[in-house]
Amino acid sequence: MPVRLKKFIGTIIIIFLVTVYALIATTVAVAFFAESSGWVHLAYFLLTGFLWVIPAMFVIKWMETPPRESR
């Protein structure tokens, strides 16, 4: 697969990932932590703010792998 195509697909995947992840994290926060203190909200959003990086790392690693040589 050409590098430019891989980067385009990876960019679309990361945008989709961040959007869906933010919606899910916010929904969970509203459902479970609506009545919690500000410190609980801060801790939750700090944790979830960093967790999206893990799946994004795998997508970026895939984007940066060189294409296979044709036989």
PDB file of N, CA and C in Angstrom:
ATOM      1  N   MET A   1       0.845  -1.165   0.000  1.00  0.00           N
ATOM      2  CA  MET A   1       0.000   0.000   0.000  1.00  0.00           C
ATOM      3  C   MET A   1       0.900   1.242   0.000  1.00  0.00           C
ATOM      4  N   PRO A   2       0.614   2.207  -0.839  1.00  0.00           N
ATOM      5  CA  PRO A   2       1.436   3.418  -0.885  1.00  0.00           C
ATOM      6  C   PRO A   2       1.401   4.182   0.447  1.00  0.00           C
ATOM      7  N   VAL A   3       2.492   4.855   0.748  1.00  0.00           N
ATOM      8  CA  VAL A   3       2.628   5.565   2.017  1.00  0.00           C
ATOM      9  C   VAL A   3       1.566   6.652   2.146  1.00  0.00           C
ATOM     10  N   ARG A   4       1.312   7.370   1.091  1.00  0.00           N
ATOM     11  CA  ARG A   4       0.327   8.456   1.152  1.00  0.00           C
ATOM     12  C   ARG A   4      -1.065   7.923   1.458  1.00  0.00           C
ATOM     13  N   LEU A   5      -1.420   6.783   0.902  1.00  0.00           N
ATOM     14  CA  LEU A   5      -2.722   6.188   1.162  1.00  0.00           C
ATOM     15  C   LEU A   5      -2.818   5.712   2.614  1.00  0.00           C
ATOM     16  N   LYS A   6      -1.736   5.102   3.111  1.00  0.00           N
ATOM     17  CA  LYS A   6      -1.716   4.660   4.501  1.00  0.00           C
ATOM     18  C   LYS A   6      -1.885   5.841   5.448  1.00  0.00           C
ATOM     19  N   LYS A   7      -1.223   6.951   5.161  1.00  0.00           N
ATOM     20  CA  LYS A   7      -1.333   8.131   6.022  1.00  0.00           C
ATOM     21  C   LYS A   7      -2.728   8.740   5.952  1.00  0.00           C
ATOM     22  N   PHE A   8      -3.332   8.728   4.783  1.00  0.00           N
ATOM     23  CA  PHE A   8      -4.691   9.237   4.649  1.00  0.00           C
ATOM     24  C   PHE A   8      -5.678   8.380   5.447  1.00  0.00           C
ATOM     25  N   ILE A   9      -5.580   7.067   5.277  1.00  0.00           N
ATOM     26  CA  ILE A   9      -6.465   6.153   6.012  1.00  0.00           C
ATOM     27  C   ILE A   9      -6.230   6.276   7.516  1.00  0.00           C
ATOM     28  N   GLY A  10      -4.972   6.342   7.926  1.00  0.00           N
ATOM     29  CA  GLY A  10      -4.649   6.487   9.338  1.00  0.00           C
ATOM     30  C   GLY A  10      -5.189   7.774   9.930  1.00  0.00           C
ATOM     31  N   THR A  11      -5.128   8.861   9.166  1.00  0.00           N
ATOM     32  CA  THR A  11      -5.664  10.134   9.636  1.00  0.00           C
ATOM     33  C   THR A  11      -7.171  10.054   9.840  1.00  0.00           C
ATOM     34  N   ILE A  12      -7.863   9.440   8.904  1.00  0.00           N
ATOM     35  CA  ILE A  12      -9.318   9.267   9.034  1.00  0.00           C
ATOM     36  C   ILE A  12      -9.634   8.404  10.258  1.00  0.00           C
ATOM     37  N   ILE A  13      -8.878   7.330  10.464  1.00  0.00           N
ATOM     38  CA  ILE A  13      -9.105   6.452  11.619  1.00  0.00           C
ATOM     39  C   ILE A  13      -8.880   7.208  12.926  1.00  0.00           C
ATOM     40  N   ILE A  14      -7.830   8.010  13.007  1.00  0.00           N
ATOM     41  CA  ILE A  14      -7.544   8.751  14.242  1.00  0.00           C
ATOM     42  C   ILE A  14      -8.631   9.792  14.513  1.00  0.00           C
ATOM     43  N   ILE A  15      -9.097  10.482  13.491  1.00  0.00           N
ATOM     44  CA  ILE A  15     -10.180  11.454  13.687  1.00  0.00           C
ATOM     45  C   ILE A  15     -11.434  10.753  14.186  1.00  0.00           C
ATOM     46  N   PHE A  16     -11.769   9.621  13.591  1.00  0.00           N
ATOM     47  CA  PHE A  16     -12.930   8.839  14.030  1.00  0.00           C
ATOM     48  C   PHE A  16     -12.731   8.346  15.462  1.00  0.00           C
ATOM     49  N   LEU A  17     -11.542   7.840  15.764  1.00  0.00           N
ATOM     50  CA  LEU A  17     -11.226   7.330  17.097  1.00  0.00           C
ATOM     51  C   LEU A  17     -11.384   8.405  18.158  1.00  0.00           C
ATOM     52  N   VAL A  18     -10.830   9.574  17.918  1.00  0.00           N
ATOM     53  CA  VAL A  18     -10.897  10.655  18.900  1.00  0.00           C
ATOM     54  C   VAL A  18     -12.335  11.121  19.094  1.00  0.00           C
ATOM     55  N   THR A  19     -13.086  11.230  18.020  1.00  0.00           N
ATOM     56  CA  THR A  19     -14.474  11.669  18.126  1.00  0.00           C
ATOM     57  C   THR A  19     -15.318  10.685  18.921  1.00  0.00           C
ATOM     58  N   VAL A  20     -15.246   9.417  18.567  1.00  0.00           N
ATOM     59  CA  VAL A  20     -16.034   8.398  19.266  1.00  0.00           C
ATOM     60  C   VAL A  20     -15.572   8.264  20.716  1.00  0.00           C
ATOM     61  N   TYR A  21     -14.267   8.299  20.929  1.00  0.00           N
ATOM     62  CA  TYR A  21     -13.728   8.169  22.281  1.00  0.00           C
ATOM     63  C   TYR A  21     -14.193   9.328  23.167  1.00  0.00           C
ATOM     64  N   ALA A  22     -14.180  10.551  22.640  1.00  0.00           N
ATOM     65  CA  ALA A  22     -14.625  11.712  23.417  1.00  0.00           C
ATOM     66  C   ALA A  22     -16.105  11.616  23.757  1.00  0.00           C
ATOM     67  N   LEU A  23     -16.910  11.170  22.810  1.00  0.00           N
ATOM     68  CA  LEU A  23     -18.343  11.007  23.079  1.00  0.00           C
ATOM     69  C   LEU A  23     -18.599   9.952  24.147  1.00  0.00           C
ATOM     70  N   ILE A  24     -17.893   8.840  24.063  1.00  0.00           N
ATOM     71  CA  ILE A  24     -18.067   7.774  25.050  1.00  0.00           C
ATOM     72  C   ILE A  24     -17.574   8.220  26.428  1.00  0.00           C
ATOM     73  N   ALA A  25     -16.420   8.858  26.486  1.00  0.00           N
ATOM     74  CA  ALA A  25     -15.870   9.311  27.771  1.00  0.00           C
ATOM     75  C   ALA A  25     -16.783  10.345  28.419  1.00  0.00           C
ATOM     76  N   THR A  26     -17.337  11.248  27.645  1.00  0.00           N
ATOM     77  CA  THR A  26     -18.244  12.248  28.195  1.00  0.00           C
ATOM     78  C   THR A  26     -19.552  11.619  28.654  1.00  0.00           C
ATOM     79  N   THR A  27     -20.058  10.675  27.901  1.00  0.00           N
ATOM     80  CA  THR A  27     -21.290   9.992  28.291  1.00  0.00           C
ATOM     81  C   THR A  27     -21.106   9.228  29.600  1.00  0.00           C
ATOM     82  N   VAL A  28     -19.988   8.542  29.741  1.00  0.00           N
ATOM     83  CA  VAL A  28     -19.694   7.814  30.982  1.00  0.00           C
ATOM     84  C   VAL A  28     -19.565   8.795  32.146  1.00  0.00           C
ATOM     85  N   ALA A  29     -18.924   9.919  31.911  1.00  0.00           N
ATOM     86  CA  ALA A  29     -18.759  10.915  32.976  1.00  0.00           C
ATOM     87  C   ALA A  29     -20.105  11.451  33.438  1.00  0.00           C
ATOM     88  N   VAL A  30     -20.986  11.729  32.512  1.00  0.00           N
ATOM     89  CA  VAL A  30     -22.307  12.253  32.876  1.00  0.00           C
ATOM     90  C   VAL A  30     -23.129  11.184  33.582  1.00  0.00           C
ATOM     91  N   ALA A  31     -23.030   9.955  33.124  1.00  0.00           N
ATOM     92  CA  ALA A  31     -23.838   8.883  33.701  1.00  0.00           C
ATOM     93  C   ALA A  31     -23.377   8.480  35.099  1.00  0.00           C
ATOM     94  N   PHE A  32     -22.075   8.453  35.341  1.00  0.00           N
ATOM     95  CA  PHE A  32     -21.578   7.930  36.607  1.00  0.00           C
ATOM     96  C   PHE A  32     -21.046   9.000  37.565  1.00  0.00           C
ATOM     97  N   PHE A  33     -20.599  10.121  37.050  1.00  0.00           N
ATOM     98  CA  PHE A  33     -19.938  11.105  37.903  1.00  0.00           C
ATOM     99  C   PHE A  33     -20.657  12.448  37.944  1.00  0.00           C
ATOM    100  N   ALA A  34     -21.938  12.479  37.627  1.00  0.00           N
ATOM    101  CA  ALA A  34     -22.673  13.750  37.567  1.00  0.00           C
ATOM    102  C   ALA A  34     -22.708  14.444  38.923  1.00  0.00           C
ATOM    103  N   GLU A  35     -22.842  13.693  39.988  1.00  0.00           N
ATOM    104  CA  GLU A  35     -22.953  14.269  41.329  1.00  0.00           C
ATOM    105  C   GLU A  35     -21.634  14.263  42.090  1.00  0.00           C
ATOM    106  N   SER A  36     -20.561  13.878  41.436  1.00  0.00           N
ATOM    107  CA  SER A  36     -19.254  13.790  42.105  1.00  0.00           C
ATOM    108  C   SER A  36     -18.613  15.164  42.221  1.00  0.00           C
ATOM    109  N   SER A  37     -17.569  15.218  43.032  1.00  0.00           N
ATOM    110  CA  SER A  37     -16.863  16.486  43.232  1.00  0.00           C
ATOM    111  C   SER A  37     -16.019  16.842  42.013  1.00  0.00           C
ATOM    112  N   GLY A  38     -15.526  18.040  42.016  1.00  0.00           N
ATOM    113  CA  GLY A  38     -14.682  18.503  40.921  1.00  0.00           C
ATOM    114  C   GLY A  38     -13.386  17.729  40.813  1.00  0.00           C
ATOM    115  N   TRP A  39     -12.873  17.251  41.938  1.00  0.00           N
ATOM    116  CA  TRP A  39     -11.625  16.474  41.917  1.00  0.00           C
ATOM    117  C   TRP A  39     -11.809  15.139  41.207  1.00  0.00           C
ATOM    118  N   VAL A  40     -12.984  14.535  41.393  1.00  0.00           N
ATOM    119  CA  VAL A  40     -13.262  13.268  40.702  1.00  0.00           C
ATOM    120  C   VAL A  40     -13.352  13.515  39.200  1.00  0.00           C
ATOM    121  N   HIS A  41     -13.997  14.591  38.823  1.00  0.00           N
ATOM    122  CA  HIS A  41     -14.086  14.947  37.404  1.00  0.00           C
ATOM    123  C   HIS A  41     -12.700  15.219  36.836  1.00  0.00           C
ATOM    124  N   LEU A  42     -11.892  15.942  37.568  1.00  0.00           N
ATOM    125  CA  LEU A  42     -10.534  16.240  37.110  1.00  0.00           C
ATOM    126  C   LEU A  42      -9.733  14.961  36.910  1.00  0.00           C
ATOM    127  N   ALA A  43      -9.782  14.062  37.892  1.00  0.00           N
ATOM    128  CA  ALA A  43      -9.036  12.803  37.786  1.00  0.00           C
ATOM    129  C   ALA A  43      -9.540  11.962  36.616  1.00  0.00           C
ATOM    130  N   TYR A  44     -10.859  11.886  36.467  1.00  0.00           N
ATOM    131  CA  TYR A  44     -11.431  11.085  35.392  1.00  0.00           C
ATOM    132  C   TYR A  44     -11.016  11.627  34.025  1.00  0.00           C
ATOM    133  N   PHE A  45     -11.145  12.937  33.836  1.00  0.00           N
ATOM    134  CA  PHE A  45     -10.830  13.496  32.531  1.00  0.00           C
ATOM    135  C   PHE A  45      -9.328  13.532  32.261  1.00  0.00           C
ATOM    136  N   LEU A  46      -8.515  13.615  33.298  1.00  0.00           N
ATOM    137  CA  LEU A  46      -7.072  13.467  33.083  1.00  0.00           C
ATOM    138  C   LEU A  46      -6.747  12.056  32.606  1.00  0.00           C
ATOM    139  N   LEU A  47      -7.333  11.064  33.267  1.00  0.00           N
ATOM    140  CA  LEU A  47      -7.092   9.671  32.887  1.00  0.00           C
ATOM    141  C   LEU A  47      -7.591   9.394  31.475  1.00  0.00           C
ATOM    142  N   THR A  48      -8.831   9.745  31.204  1.00  0.00           N
ATOM    143  CA  THR A  48      -9.376   9.463  29.873  1.00  0.00           C
ATOM    144  C   THR A  48      -8.741  10.346  28.801  1.00  0.00           C
ATOM    145  N   GLY A  49      -8.230  11.499  29.200  1.00  0.00           N
ATOM    146  CA  GLY A  49      -7.552  12.355  28.249  1.00  0.00           C
ATOM    147  C   GLY A  49      -6.250  11.770  27.747  1.00  0.00           C
ATOM    148  N   PHE A  50      -5.635  10.937  28.562  1.00  0.00           N
ATOM    149  CA  PHE A  50      -4.387  10.286  28.146  1.00  0.00           C
ATOM    150  C   PHE A  50      -4.611   8.899  27.550  1.00  0.00           C
ATOM    151  N   LEU A  51      -5.712   8.247  27.872  1.00  0.00           N
ATOM    152  CA  LEU A  51      -5.931   6.871  27.413  1.00  0.00           C
ATOM    153  C   LEU A  51      -6.143   6.737  25.907  1.00  0.00           C
ATOM    154  N   TRP A  52      -6.646   7.780  25.249  1.00  0.00           N
ATOM    155  CA  TRP A  52      -6.877   7.666  23.815  1.00  0.00           C
ATOM    156  C   TRP A  52      -5.562   7.563  23.041  1.00  0.00           C
ATOM    157  N   VAL A  53      -4.476   7.918  23.695  1.00  0.00           N
ATOM    158  CA  VAL A  53      -3.172   7.893  23.024  1.00  0.00           C
ATOM    159  C   VAL A  53      -2.748   6.454  22.722  1.00  0.00           C
ATOM    160  N   ILE A  54      -3.144   5.508  23.549  1.00  0.00           N
ATOM    161  CA  ILE A  54      -2.719   4.111  23.363  1.00  0.00           C
ATOM    162  C   ILE A  54      -3.191   3.546  22.020  1.00  0.00           C
ATOM    163  N   PRO A  55      -4.501   3.604  21.701  1.00  0.00           N
ATOM    164  CA  PRO A  55      -4.870   3.100  20.370  1.00  0.00           C
ATOM    165  C   PRO A  55      -4.326   3.966  19.236  1.00  0.00           C
ATOM    166  N   ALA A  56      -4.181   5.257  19.479  1.00  0.00           N
ATOM    167  CA  ALA A  56      -3.632   6.132  18.435  1.00  0.00           C
ATOM    168  C   ALA A  56      -2.182   5.777  18.133  1.00  0.00           C
ATOM    169  N   MET A  57      -1.435   5.331  19.156  1.00  0.00           N
ATOM    170  CA  MET A  57      -0.046   4.921  18.927  1.00  0.00           C
ATOM    171  C   MET A  57       0.039   3.776  17.927  1.00  0.00           C
ATOM    172  N   PHE A  58      -0.872   2.813  18.049  1.00  0.00           N
ATOM    173  CA  PHE A  58      -0.851   1.678  17.129  1.00  0.00           C
ATOM    174  C   PHE A  58      -1.188   2.112  15.706  1.00  0.00           C
ATOM    175  N   VAL A  59      -2.121   3.042  15.563  1.00  0.00           N
ATOM    176  CA  VAL A  59      -2.460   3.535  14.228  1.00  0.00           C
ATOM    177  C   VAL A  59      -1.278   4.293  13.628  1.00  0.00           C
ATOM    178  N   ILE A  60      -0.634   5.133  14.418  1.00  0.00           N
ATOM    179  CA  ILE A  60       0.516   5.896  13.923  1.00  0.00           C
ATOM    180  C   ILE A  60       1.675   4.973  13.582  1.00  0.00           C
ATOM    181  N   LYS A  61       1.874   3.943  14.390  1.00  0.00           N
ATOM    182  CA  LYS A  61       2.937   2.973  14.097  1.00  0.00           C
ATOM    183  C   LYS A  61       2.650   2.266  12.769  1.00  0.00           C
ATOM    184  N   TRP A  62       1.393   1.903  12.538  1.00  0.00           N
ATOM    185  CA  TRP A  62       1.015   1.275  11.275  1.00  0.00           C
ATOM    186  C   TRP A  62       1.232   2.237  10.110  1.00  0.00           C
ATOM    187  N   MET A  63       0.903   3.514  10.319  1.00  0.00           N
ATOM    188  CA  MET A  63       1.070   4.504   9.258  1.00  0.00           C
ATOM    189  C   MET A  63       2.541   4.677   8.877  1.00  0.00           C
ATOM    190  N   GLU A  64       3.425   4.543   9.832  1.00  0.00           N
ATOM    191  CA  GLU A  64       4.840   4.811   9.598  1.00  0.00           C
ATOM    192  C   GLU A  64       5.636   3.602   9.120  1.00  0.00           C
ATOM    193  N   THR A  65       5.041   2.426   9.089  1.00  0.00           N
ATOM    194  CA  THR A  65       5.782   1.267   8.601  1.00  0.00           C
ATOM    195  C   THR A  65       6.003   1.402   7.094  1.00  0.00           C
ATOM    196  N   PRO A  66       7.208   1.070   6.638  1.00  0.00           N
ATOM    197  CA  PRO A  66       7.477   1.202   5.212  1.00  0.00           C
ATOM    198  C   PRO A  66       6.695   0.145   4.425  1.00  0.00           C
ATOM    199  N   PRO A  67       6.380   0.475   3.174  1.00  0.00           N
ATOM    200  CA  PRO A  67       5.633  -0.494   2.367  1.00  0.00           C
ATOM    201  C   PRO A  67       6.496  -1.730   2.064  1.00  0.00           C
ATOM    202  N   ARG A  68       5.830  -2.855   1.888  1.00  0.00           N
ATOM    203  CA  ARG A  68       6.539  -4.088   1.547  1.00  0.00           C
ATOM    204  C   ARG A  68       7.039  -4.011   0.118  1.00  0.00           C
ATOM    205  N   GLU A  69       8.144  -4.694  -0.117  1.00  0.00           N
ATOM    206  CA  GLU A  69       8.701  -4.742  -1.462  1.00  0.00           C
ATOM    207  C   GLU A  69       7.872  -5.696  -2.319  1.00  0.00           C
ATOM    208  N   SER A  70       7.622  -5.312  -3.553  1.00  0.00           N
ATOM    209  CA  SER A  70       6.884  -6.176  -4.488  1.00  0.00           C
ATOM    210  C   SER A  70       7.794  -7.308  -4.947  1.00  0.00           C
ATOM    211  N   ARG A  71       7.192  -8.457  -5.164  1.00  0.00           N
ATOM    212  CA  ARG A  71       7.988  -9.594  -5.627  1.00  0.00           C
ATOM    213  C   ARG A  71       7.927  -9.747  -7.100  1.00  0.00           C
TER     214      ARG A  71
END
